[in-house]
PDB file of N, CA and C in Angstrom:
ATOM      1  N   UNK A   1      30.033  -0.822   0.940  1.00  0.00           N
ATOM      2  CA  UNK A   1      28.965  -1.373   1.758  1.00  0.00           C
ATOM      3  C   UNK A   1      28.166  -0.224   2.359  1.00  0.00           C
ATOM      4  N   UNK A   2      26.857  -0.153   2.071  1.00  0.00           N
ATOM      5  CA  UNK A   2      26.051   0.929   2.618  1.00  0.00           C
ATOM      6  C   UNK A   2      25.875   0.785   4.122  1.00  0.00           C
ATOM      7  N   UNK A   3      25.709   1.926   4.764  1.00  0.00           N
ATOM      8  CA  UNK A   3      25.504   1.930   6.205  1.00  0.00           C
ATOM      9  C   UNK A   3      24.142   1.314   6.519  1.00  0.00           C
ATOM     10  N   UNK A   4      24.105   0.519   7.578  1.00  0.00           N
ATOM     11  CA  UNK A   4      22.857  -0.147   7.952  1.00  0.00           C
ATOM     12  C   UNK A   4      21.854   0.882   8.476  1.00  0.00           C
ATOM     13  N   UNK A   5      20.647   0.823   7.946  1.00  0.00           N
ATOM     14  CA  UNK A   5      19.563   1.689   8.377  1.00  0.00           C
ATOM     15  C   UNK A   5      18.455   0.784   8.899  1.00  0.00           C
ATOM     16  N   UNK A   6      17.881   1.115  10.024  1.00  0.00           N
ATOM     17  CA  UNK A   6      16.777   0.319  10.559  1.00  0.00           C
ATOM     18  C   UNK A   6      15.606   0.393   9.584  1.00  0.00           C
ATOM     19  N   UNK A   7      14.921  -0.710   9.321  1.00  0.00           N
ATOM     20  CA  UNK A   7      13.845  -0.715   8.316  1.00  0.00           C
ATOM     21  C   UNK A   7      12.750   0.316   8.569  1.00  0.00           C
ATOM     22  N   UNK A   8      12.485   0.652   9.824  1.00  0.00           N
ATOM     23  CA  UNK A   8      11.446   1.634  10.105  1.00  0.00           C
ATOM     24  C   UNK A   8      11.927   3.067   9.885  1.00  0.00           C
ATOM     25  N   UNK A   9      13.216   3.276   9.661  1.00  0.00           N
ATOM     26  CA  UNK A   9      13.737   4.605   9.343  1.00  0.00           C
ATOM     27  C   UNK A   9      13.846   4.822   7.839  1.00  0.00           C
ATOM     28  N   UNK A  10      13.693   3.775   7.054  1.00  0.00           N
ATOM     29  CA  UNK A  10      13.834   3.880   5.602  1.00  0.00           C
ATOM     30  C   UNK A  10      12.650   4.630   5.000  1.00  0.00           C
ATOM     31  N   UNK A  11      11.427   4.238   5.346  1.00  0.00           N
ATOM     32  CA  UNK A  11      10.225   4.872   4.797  1.00  0.00           C
ATOM     33  C   UNK A  11       9.921   6.139   5.574  1.00  0.00           C
ATOM     34  N   UNK A  12       9.791   7.261   4.852  1.00  0.00           N
ATOM     35  CA  UNK A  12       9.468   8.524   5.515  1.00  0.00           C
ATOM     36  C   UNK A  12       7.977   8.818   5.454  1.00  0.00           C
ATOM     37  N   UNK A  13       7.392   8.753   4.255  1.00  0.00           N
ATOM     38  CA  UNK A  13       5.961   9.027   4.118  1.00  0.00           C
ATOM     39  C   UNK A  13       5.489   8.491   2.775  1.00  0.00           C
ATOM     40  N   UNK A  14       4.190   8.187   2.673  1.00  0.00           N
ATOM     41  CA  UNK A  14       3.654   7.809   1.369  1.00  0.00           C
ATOM     42  C   UNK A  14       3.412   9.056   0.532  1.00  0.00           C
ATOM     43  N   UNK A  15       3.560   8.929  -0.762  1.00  0.00           N
ATOM     44  CA  UNK A  15       3.267  10.023  -1.679  1.00  0.00           C
ATOM     45  C   UNK A  15       1.877   9.760  -2.250  1.00  0.00           C
ATOM     46  N   UNK A  16       0.934  10.641  -1.945  1.00  0.00           N
ATOM     47  CA  UNK A  16      -0.440  10.464  -2.415  1.00  0.00           C
ATOM     48  C   UNK A  16      -0.754  11.604  -3.375  1.00  0.00           C
ATOM     49  N   UNK A  17      -0.671  11.286  -4.665  1.00  0.00           N
ATOM     50  CA  UNK A  17      -0.990  12.235  -5.722  1.00  0.00           C
ATOM     51  C   UNK A  17      -1.941  11.535  -6.689  1.00  0.00           C
ATOM     52  N   UNK A  18      -2.365  12.262  -7.689  1.00  0.00           N
ATOM     53  CA  UNK A  18      -3.262  11.676  -8.678  1.00  0.00           C
ATOM     54  C   UNK A  18      -2.571  10.531  -9.413  1.00  0.00           C
ATOM     55  N   UNK A  19      -1.317  10.730  -9.775  1.00  0.00           N
ATOM     56  CA  UNK A  19      -0.589   9.694 -10.500  1.00  0.00           C
ATOM     57  C   UNK A  19      -0.327   8.469  -9.620  1.00  0.00           C
ATOM     58  N   UNK A  20       0.051   8.696  -8.358  1.00  0.00           N
ATOM     59  CA  UNK A  20       0.315   7.551  -7.489  1.00  0.00           C
ATOM     60  C   UNK A  20      -0.955   6.779  -7.172  1.00  0.00           C
ATOM     61  N   UNK A  21      -2.096   7.445  -7.160  1.00  0.00           N
ATOM     62  CA  UNK A  21      -3.366   6.754  -6.960  1.00  0.00           C
ATOM     63  C   UNK A  21      -3.684   5.854  -8.142  1.00  0.00           C
ATOM     64  N   UNK A  22      -3.381   6.313  -9.361  1.00  0.00           N
ATOM     65  CA  UNK A  22      -3.588   5.469 -10.539  1.00  0.00           C
ATOM     66  C   UNK A  22      -2.630   4.281 -10.532  1.00  0.00           C
ATOM     67  N   UNK A  23      -1.401   4.490 -10.058  1.00  0.00           N
ATOM     68  CA  UNK A  23      -0.446   3.383  -9.967  1.00  0.00           C
ATOM     69  C   UNK A  23      -0.902   2.349  -8.940  1.00  0.00           C
ATOM     70  N   UNK A  24      -1.604   2.794  -7.894  1.00  0.00           N
ATOM     71  CA  UNK A  24      -2.095   1.877  -6.872  1.00  0.00           C
ATOM     72  C   UNK A  24      -3.031   0.833  -7.432  1.00  0.00           C
ATOM     73  N   UNK A  25      -3.767   1.177  -8.482  1.00  0.00           N
ATOM     74  CA  UNK A  25      -4.652   0.205  -9.116  1.00  0.00           C
ATOM     75  C   UNK A  25      -3.864  -0.909  -9.805  1.00  0.00           C
ATOM     76  N   UNK A  26      -2.599  -0.645 -10.136  1.00  0.00           N
ATOM     77  CA  UNK A  26      -1.741  -1.638 -10.780  1.00  0.00           C
ATOM     78  C   UNK A  26      -0.853  -2.373  -9.775  1.00  0.00           C
ATOM     79  N   UNK A  27      -1.053  -2.102  -8.495  1.00  0.00           N
ATOM     80  CA  UNK A  27      -0.247  -2.764  -7.467  1.00  0.00           C
ATOM     81  C   UNK A  27       1.079  -2.091  -7.217  1.00  0.00           C
ATOM     82  N   UNK A  28       1.199  -0.798  -7.569  1.00  0.00           N
ATOM     83  CA  UNK A  28       2.428  -0.045  -7.340  1.00  0.00           C
ATOM     84  C   UNK A  28       2.133   1.080  -6.363  1.00  0.00           C
ATOM     85  N   UNK A  29       3.029   1.271  -5.400  1.00  0.00           N
ATOM     86  CA  UNK A  29       2.849   2.284  -4.366  1.00  0.00           C
ATOM     87  C   UNK A  29       4.095   3.154  -4.297  1.00  0.00           C
ATOM     88  N   UNK A  30       3.899   4.433  -3.980  1.00  0.00           N
ATOM     89  CA  UNK A  30       4.978   5.413  -4.030  1.00  0.00           C
ATOM     90  C   UNK A  30       5.262   5.913  -2.612  1.00  0.00           C
ATOM     91  N   UNK A  31       6.544   5.971  -2.251  1.00  0.00           N
ATOM     92  CA  UNK A  31       6.977   6.424  -0.931  1.00  0.00           C
ATOM     93  C   UNK A  31       8.133   7.406  -1.068  1.00  0.00           C
ATOM     94  N   UNK A  32       8.218   8.320  -0.105  1.00  0.00           N
ATOM     95  CA  UNK A  32       9.445   9.087   0.071  1.00  0.00           C
ATOM     96  C   UNK A  32      10.300   8.272   1.022  1.00  0.00           C
ATOM     97  N   UNK A  33      11.572   8.064   0.658  1.00  0.00           N
ATOM     98  CA  UNK A  33      12.449   7.215   1.456  1.00  0.00           C
ATOM     99  C   UNK A  33      13.713   7.977   1.817  1.00  0.00           C
ATOM    100  N   UNK A  34      14.464   7.401   2.733  1.00  0.00           N
ATOM    101  CA  UNK A  34      15.747   7.982   3.138  1.00  0.00           C
ATOM    102  C   UNK A  34      16.690   7.980   1.947  1.00  0.00           C
ATOM    103  N   UNK A  35      17.443   9.061   1.777  1.00  0.00           N
ATOM    104  CA  UNK A  35      18.323   9.169   0.609  1.00  0.00           C
ATOM    105  C   UNK A  35      19.460   8.157   0.643  1.00  0.00           C
ATOM    106  N   UNK A  36      19.792   7.635   1.813  1.00  0.00           N
ATOM    107  CA  UNK A  36      20.883   6.656   1.914  1.00  0.00           C
ATOM    108  C   UNK A  36      20.421   5.233   1.649  1.00  0.00           C
ATOM    109  N   UNK A  37      19.110   4.992   1.576  1.00  0.00           N
ATOM    110  CA  UNK A  37      18.571   3.635   1.442  1.00  0.00           C
ATOM    111  C   UNK A  37      18.737   3.130   0.010  1.00  0.00           C
ATOM    112  N   UNK A  38      19.042   1.835  -0.123  1.00  0.00           N
ATOM    113  CA  UNK A  38      19.132   1.225  -1.446  1.00  0.00           C
ATOM    114  C   UNK A  38      17.891   0.362  -1.689  1.00  0.00           C
ATOM    115  N   UNK A  39      17.793  -0.231  -2.863  1.00  0.00           N
ATOM    116  CA  UNK A  39      16.588  -0.972  -3.245  1.00  0.00           C
ATOM    117  C   UNK A  39      16.279  -2.160  -2.329  1.00  0.00           C
ATOM    118  N   UNK A  40      17.261  -2.998  -1.967  1.00  0.00           N
ATOM    119  CA  UNK A  40      16.931  -4.105  -1.055  1.00  0.00           C
ATOM    120  C   UNK A  40      16.439  -3.620   0.308  1.00  0.00           C
ATOM    121  N   UNK A  41      17.013  -2.544   0.816  1.00  0.00           N
ATOM    122  CA  UNK A  41      16.574  -2.014   2.108  1.00  0.00           C
ATOM    123  C   UNK A  41      15.145  -1.482   2.020  1.00  0.00           C
ATOM    124  N   UNK A  42      14.797  -0.832   0.909  1.00  0.00           N
ATOM    125  CA  UNK A  42      13.447  -0.298   0.729  1.00  0.00           C
ATOM    126  C   UNK A  42      12.440  -1.446   0.630  1.00  0.00           C
ATOM    127  N   UNK A  43      12.783  -2.476  -0.138  1.00  0.00           N
ATOM    128  CA  UNK A  43      11.893  -3.626  -0.265  1.00  0.00           C
ATOM    129  C   UNK A  43      11.658  -4.312   1.072  1.00  0.00           C
ATOM    130  N   UNK A  44      12.709  -4.481   1.853  1.00  0.00           N
ATOM    131  CA  UNK A  44      12.578  -5.117   3.163  1.00  0.00           C
ATOM    132  C   UNK A  44      11.719  -4.263   4.096  1.00  0.00           C
ATOM    133  N   UNK A  45      11.891  -2.944   4.037  1.00  0.00           N
ATOM    134  CA  UNK A  45      11.118  -2.056   4.905  1.00  0.00           C
ATOM    135  C   UNK A  45       9.627  -2.118   4.581  1.00  0.00           C
ATOM    136  N   UNK A  46       9.277  -2.166   3.296  1.00  0.00           N
ATOM    137  CA  UNK A  46       7.871  -2.244   2.910  1.00  0.00           C
ATOM    138  C   UNK A  46       7.295  -3.598   3.309  1.00  0.00           C
ATOM    139  N   UNK A  47       8.060  -4.668   3.123  1.00  0.00           N
ATOM    140  CA  UNK A  47       7.582  -5.993   3.505  1.00  0.00           C
ATOM    141  C   UNK A  47       7.329  -6.082   5.005  1.00  0.00           C
ATOM    142  N   UNK A  48       8.216  -5.515   5.811  1.00  0.00           N
ATOM    143  CA  UNK A  48       8.044  -5.549   7.258  1.00  0.00           C
ATOM    144  C   UNK A  48       6.892  -4.666   7.721  1.00  0.00           C
ATOM    145  N   UNK A  49       6.797  -3.468   7.166  1.00  0.00           N
ATOM    146  CA  UNK A  49       5.803  -2.514   7.645  1.00  0.00           C
ATOM    147  C   UNK A  49       4.378  -2.905   7.265  1.00  0.00           C
ATOM    148  N   UNK A  50       4.195  -3.475   6.065  1.00  0.00           N
ATOM    149  CA  UNK A  50       2.845  -3.727   5.568  1.00  0.00           C
ATOM    150  C   UNK A  50       2.523  -5.209   5.377  1.00  0.00           C
ATOM    151  N   UNK A  51       3.469  -6.100   5.676  1.00  0.00           N
ATOM    152  CA  UNK A  51       3.269  -7.551   5.572  1.00  0.00           C
ATOM    153  C   UNK A  51       2.801  -7.951   4.171  1.00  0.00           C
ATOM    154  N   UNK A  52       3.584  -7.554   3.156  1.00  0.00           N
ATOM    155  CA  UNK A  52       3.309  -7.880   1.757  1.00  0.00           C
ATOM    156  C   UNK A  52       4.587  -8.417   1.121  1.00  0.00           C
ATOM    157  N   UNK A  53       4.476  -8.954  -0.103  1.00  0.00           N
ATOM    158  CA  UNK A  53       5.641  -9.417  -0.852  1.00  0.00           C
ATOM    159  C   UNK A  53       5.957  -8.404  -1.947  1.00  0.00           C
ATOM    160  N   UNK A  54       7.188  -7.914  -1.955  1.00  0.00           N
ATOM    161  CA  UNK A  54       7.622  -6.915  -2.929  1.00  0.00           C
ATOM    162  C   UNK A  54       8.280  -7.625  -4.103  1.00  0.00           C
ATOM    163  N   UNK A  55       7.849  -7.279  -5.325  1.00  0.00           N
ATOM    164  CA  UNK A  55       8.455  -7.851  -6.526  1.00  0.00           C
ATOM    165  C   UNK A  55       9.581  -6.980  -7.046  1.00  0.00           C
ATOM    166  N   UNK A  56       9.334  -5.671  -7.118  1.00  0.00           N
ATOM    167  CA  UNK A  56      10.303  -4.784  -7.751  1.00  0.00           C
ATOM    168  C   UNK A  56      10.291  -3.435  -7.052  1.00  0.00           C
ATOM    169  N   UNK A  57      11.461  -2.792  -6.999  1.00  0.00           N
ATOM    170  CA  UNK A  57      11.584  -1.449  -6.434  1.00  0.00           C
ATOM    171  C   UNK A  57      12.302  -0.574  -7.453  1.00  0.00           C
ATOM    172  N   UNK A  58      11.692   0.548  -7.789  1.00  0.00           N
ATOM    173  CA  UNK A  58      12.334   1.533  -8.652  1.00  0.00           C
ATOM    174  C   UNK A  58      12.546   2.799  -7.842  1.00  0.00           C
ATOM    175  N   UNK A  59      13.728   3.402  -7.952  1.00  0.00           N
ATOM    176  CA  UNK A  59      14.032   4.596  -7.172  1.00  0.00           C
ATOM    177  C   UNK A  59      14.460   5.734  -8.087  1.00  0.00           C
ATOM    178  N   UNK A  60      14.279   6.938  -7.593  1.00  0.00           N
ATOM    179  CA  UNK A  60      14.749   8.122  -8.307  1.00  0.00           C
ATOM    180  C   UNK A  60      15.017   9.230  -7.307  1.00  0.00           C
ATOM    181  N   UNK A  61      15.991  10.058  -7.603  1.00  0.00           N
ATOM    182  CA  UNK A  61      16.281  11.236  -6.800  1.00  0.00           C
ATOM    183  C   UNK A  61      15.496  12.398  -7.391  1.00  0.00           C
ATOM    184  N   UNK A  62      14.742  13.093  -6.540  1.00  0.00           N
ATOM    185  CA  UNK A  62      13.971  14.251  -6.964  1.00  0.00           C
ATOM    186  C   UNK A  62      14.764  15.484  -6.568  1.00  0.00           C
ATOM    187  N   UNK A  63      15.106  16.273  -7.556  1.00  0.00           N
ATOM    188  CA  UNK A  63      15.916  17.451  -7.321  1.00  0.00           C
ATOM    189  C   UNK A  63      15.101  18.511  -6.581  1.00  0.00           C
ATOM    190  N   UNK A  64      15.730  19.217  -5.645  1.00  0.00           N
ATOM    191  CA  UNK A  64      15.044  20.266  -4.904  1.00  0.00           C
ATOM    192  C   UNK A  64      14.800  21.481  -5.775  1.00  0.00           C
ATOM    193  N   UNK A  65      13.617  22.064  -5.648  1.00  0.00           N
ATOM    194  CA  UNK A  65      13.268  23.235  -6.454  1.00  0.00           C
ATOM    195  C   UNK A  65      13.804  24.499  -5.798  1.00  0.00           C
ATOM    196  N   UNK A  66      14.030  25.513  -6.612  1.00  0.00           N
ATOM    197  CA  UNK A  66      14.393  26.815  -6.078  1.00  0.00           C
ATOM    198  C   UNK A  66      13.126  27.640  -5.885  1.00  0.00           C
ATOM    199  N   UNK A  67      13.084  28.386  -4.788  1.00  0.00           N
ATOM    200  CA  UNK A  67      11.928  29.226  -4.480  1.00  0.00           C
ATOM    201  C   UNK A  67      12.405  30.598  -4.052  1.00  0.00           C
ATOM    202  N   UNK A  68      11.522  31.549  -4.182  1.00  0.00           N
ATOM    203  CA  UNK A  68      11.811  32.888  -3.669  1.00  0.00           C
ATOM    204  C   UNK A  68      11.137  33.030  -2.322  1.00  0.00           C
ATOM    205  N   UNK A  69      11.908  33.477  -1.349  1.00  0.00           N
ATOM    206  CA  UNK A  69      11.374  33.771  -0.029  1.00  0.00           C
ATOM    207  C   UNK A  69      11.748  35.219   0.237  1.00  0.00           C
ATOM    208  N   UNK A  70      10.792  36.116  -0.014  1.00  0.00           N
ATOM    209  CA  UNK A  70      11.108  37.539   0.084  1.00  0.00           C
ATOM    210  C   UNK A  70      12.061  37.915  -1.028  1.00  0.00           C
ATOM    211  N   UNK A  71      13.193  38.458  -0.653  1.00  0.00           N
ATOM    212  CA  UNK A  71      14.191  38.844  -1.658  1.00  0.00           C
ATOM    213  C   UNK A  71      15.247  37.760  -1.861  1.00  0.00           C
ATOM    214  N   UNK A  72      15.213  36.726  -1.028  1.00  0.00           N
ATOM    215  CA  UNK A  72      16.209  35.654  -1.139  1.00  0.00           C
ATOM    216  C   UNK A  72      15.722  34.548  -2.050  1.00  0.00           C
ATOM    217  N   UNK A  73      16.653  33.849  -2.635  1.00  0.00           N
ATOM    218  CA  UNK A  73      16.348  32.651  -3.421  1.00  0.00           C
ATOM    219  C   UNK A  73      16.923  31.468  -2.650  1.00  0.00           C
ATOM    220  N   UNK A  74      16.051  30.515  -2.295  1.00  0.00           N
ATOM    221  CA  UNK A  74      16.483  29.355  -1.516  1.00  0.00           C
ATOM    222  C   UNK A  74      16.186  28.084  -2.300  1.00  0.00           C
ATOM    223  N   UNK A  75      16.883  27.027  -1.953  1.00  0.00           N
ATOM    224  CA  UNK A  75      16.697  25.738  -2.618  1.00  0.00           C
ATOM    225  C   UNK A  75      16.140  24.741  -1.628  1.00  0.00           C
ATOM    226  N   UNK A  76      15.054  24.073  -2.041  1.00  0.00           N
ATOM    227  CA  UNK A  76      14.479  23.001  -1.234  1.00  0.00           C
ATOM    228  C   UNK A  76      15.430  21.802  -1.301  1.00  0.00           C
ATOM    229  N   UNK A  77      15.484  20.981  -0.263  1.00  0.00           N
ATOM    230  CA  UNK A  77      16.401  19.835  -0.302  1.00  0.00           C
ATOM    231  C   UNK A  77      15.943  18.764  -1.288  1.00  0.00           C
ATOM    232  N   UNK A  78      16.906  18.048  -1.851  1.00  0.00           N
ATOM    233  CA  UNK A  78      16.600  16.922  -2.732  1.00  0.00           C
ATOM    234  C   UNK A  78      16.110  15.762  -1.870  1.00  0.00           C
ATOM    235  N   UNK A  79      15.282  14.885  -2.461  1.00  0.00           N
ATOM    236  CA  UNK A  79      14.756  13.743  -1.733  1.00  0.00           C
ATOM    237  C   UNK A  79      14.649  12.558  -2.668  1.00  0.00           C
ATOM    238  N   UNK A  80      14.493  11.381  -2.095  1.00  0.00           N
ATOM    239  CA  UNK A  80      14.464  10.147  -2.871  1.00  0.00           C
ATOM    240  C   UNK A  80      13.058   9.578  -2.875  1.00  0.00           C
ATOM    241  N   UNK A  81      12.609   9.157  -4.058  1.00  0.00           N
ATOM    242  CA  UNK A  81      11.278   8.579  -4.238  1.00  0.00           C
ATOM    243  C   UNK A  81      11.441   7.136  -4.679  1.00  0.00           C
ATOM    244  N   UNK A  82      10.591   6.258  -4.145  1.00  0.00           N
ATOM    245  CA  UNK A  82      10.622   4.844  -4.508  1.00  0.00           C
ATOM    246  C   UNK A  82       9.237   4.404  -4.949  1.00  0.00           C
ATOM    247  N   UNK A  83       9.179   3.701  -6.086  1.00  0.00           N
ATOM    248  CA  UNK A  83       7.945   3.092  -6.560  1.00  0.00           C
ATOM    249  C   UNK A  83       8.086   1.593  -6.340  1.00  0.00           C
ATOM    250  N   UNK A  84       7.221   1.050  -5.488  1.00  0.00           N
ATOM    251  CA  UNK A  84       7.309  -0.345  -5.063  1.00  0.00           C
ATOM    252  C   UNK A  84       6.189  -1.130  -5.736  1.00  0.00           C
ATOM    253  N   UNK A  85       6.554  -2.198  -6.450  1.00  0.00           N
ATOM    254  CA  UNK A  85       5.577  -3.071  -7.096  1.00  0.00           C
ATOM    255  C   UNK A  85       5.385  -4.305  -6.228  1.00  0.00           C
ATOM    256  N   UNK A  86       4.130  -4.600  -5.896  1.00  0.00           N
ATOM    257  CA  UNK A  86       3.817  -5.760  -5.060  1.00  0.00           C
ATOM    258  C   UNK A  86       3.483  -6.965  -5.923  1.00  0.00           C
ATOM    259  N   UNK A  87       3.497  -8.139  -5.305  1.00  0.00           N
ATOM    260  CA  UNK A  87       3.128  -9.374  -5.991  1.00  0.00           C
ATOM    261  C   UNK A  87       1.654  -9.306  -6.376  1.00  0.00           C
ATOM    262  N   UNK A  88       1.280 -10.071  -7.382  1.00  0.00           N
ATOM    263  CA  UNK A  88      -0.098 -10.054  -7.883  1.00  0.00           C
ATOM    264  C   UNK A  88      -1.080 -10.419  -6.780  1.00  0.00           C
ATOM    265  N   UNK A  89      -2.170  -9.662  -6.698  1.00  0.00           N
ATOM    266  CA  UNK A  89      -3.212  -9.936  -5.720  1.00  0.00           C
ATOM    267  C   UNK A  89      -2.993  -9.319  -4.356  1.00  0.00           C
ATOM    268  N   UNK A  90      -1.854  -8.673  -4.130  1.00  0.00           N
ATOM    269  CA  UNK A  90      -1.595  -8.052  -2.830  1.00  0.00           C
ATOM    270  C   UNK A  90      -1.814  -6.554  -2.927  1.00  0.00           C
ATOM    271  N   UNK A  91      -2.188  -5.964  -1.795  1.00  0.00           N
ATOM    272  CA  UNK A  91      -2.387  -4.524  -1.747  1.00  0.00           C
ATOM    273  C   UNK A  91      -2.094  -4.029  -0.341  1.00  0.00           C
ATOM    274  N   UNK A  92      -1.897  -2.726  -0.233  1.00  0.00           N
ATOM    275  CA  UNK A  92      -1.676  -2.095   1.055  1.00  0.00           C
ATOM    276  C   UNK A  92      -2.967  -1.376   1.419  1.00  0.00           C
ATOM    277  N   UNK A  93      -3.594  -1.781   2.514  1.00  0.00           N
ATOM    278  CA  UNK A  93      -4.886  -1.214   2.899  1.00  0.00           C
ATOM    279  C   UNK A  93      -4.795   0.260   3.260  1.00  0.00           C
ATOM    280  N   UNK A  94      -3.620   0.719   3.648  1.00  0.00           N
ATOM    281  CA  UNK A  94      -3.435   2.125   4.024  1.00  0.00           C
ATOM    282  C   UNK A  94      -3.815   3.062   2.898  1.00  0.00           C
ATOM    283  N   UNK A  95      -3.593   2.630   1.656  1.00  0.00           N
ATOM    284  CA  UNK A  95      -3.849   3.473   0.503  1.00  0.00           C
ATOM    285  C   UNK A  95      -5.249   3.314  -0.063  1.00  0.00           C
ATOM    286  N   UNK A  96      -5.939   2.251   0.290  1.00  0.00           N
ATOM    287  CA  UNK A  96      -7.240   1.984  -0.311  1.00  0.00           C
ATOM    288  C   UNK A  96      -8.270   2.965   0.202  1.00  0.00           C
ATOM    289  N   UNK A  97      -9.114   3.457  -0.714  1.00  0.00           N
ATOM    290  CA  UNK A  97     -10.170   4.383  -0.351  1.00  0.00           C
ATOM    291  C   UNK A  97      -9.714   5.815  -0.220  1.00  0.00           C
ATOM    292  N   UNK A  98      -8.510   6.121  -0.688  1.00  0.00           N
ATOM    293  CA  UNK A  98      -7.998   7.493  -0.610  1.00  0.00           C
ATOM    294  C   UNK A  98      -8.461   8.244  -1.834  1.00  0.00           C
TER     295      UNK A  98
END
């Protein structure tokens, strides 16, 4: 049983890239989410935050990249990405016009 996470702690930030903007035209939106959150929790958080109906949630873990900082090599932390598909005809106004 996963630990309960408050719905407003599940969504961290929207991912706004060229690819996610193209997905927005198809009713799909991309978010960075808490790594402990599962698909039902992510769907509920999006429904509560934006007052929309979620049809499908796809998630993936994004591996942290290694970078050089001076002479040291450090690793960025891994994070979780969610692609949320909304019901037909619905949209999130936050992303429109970006």
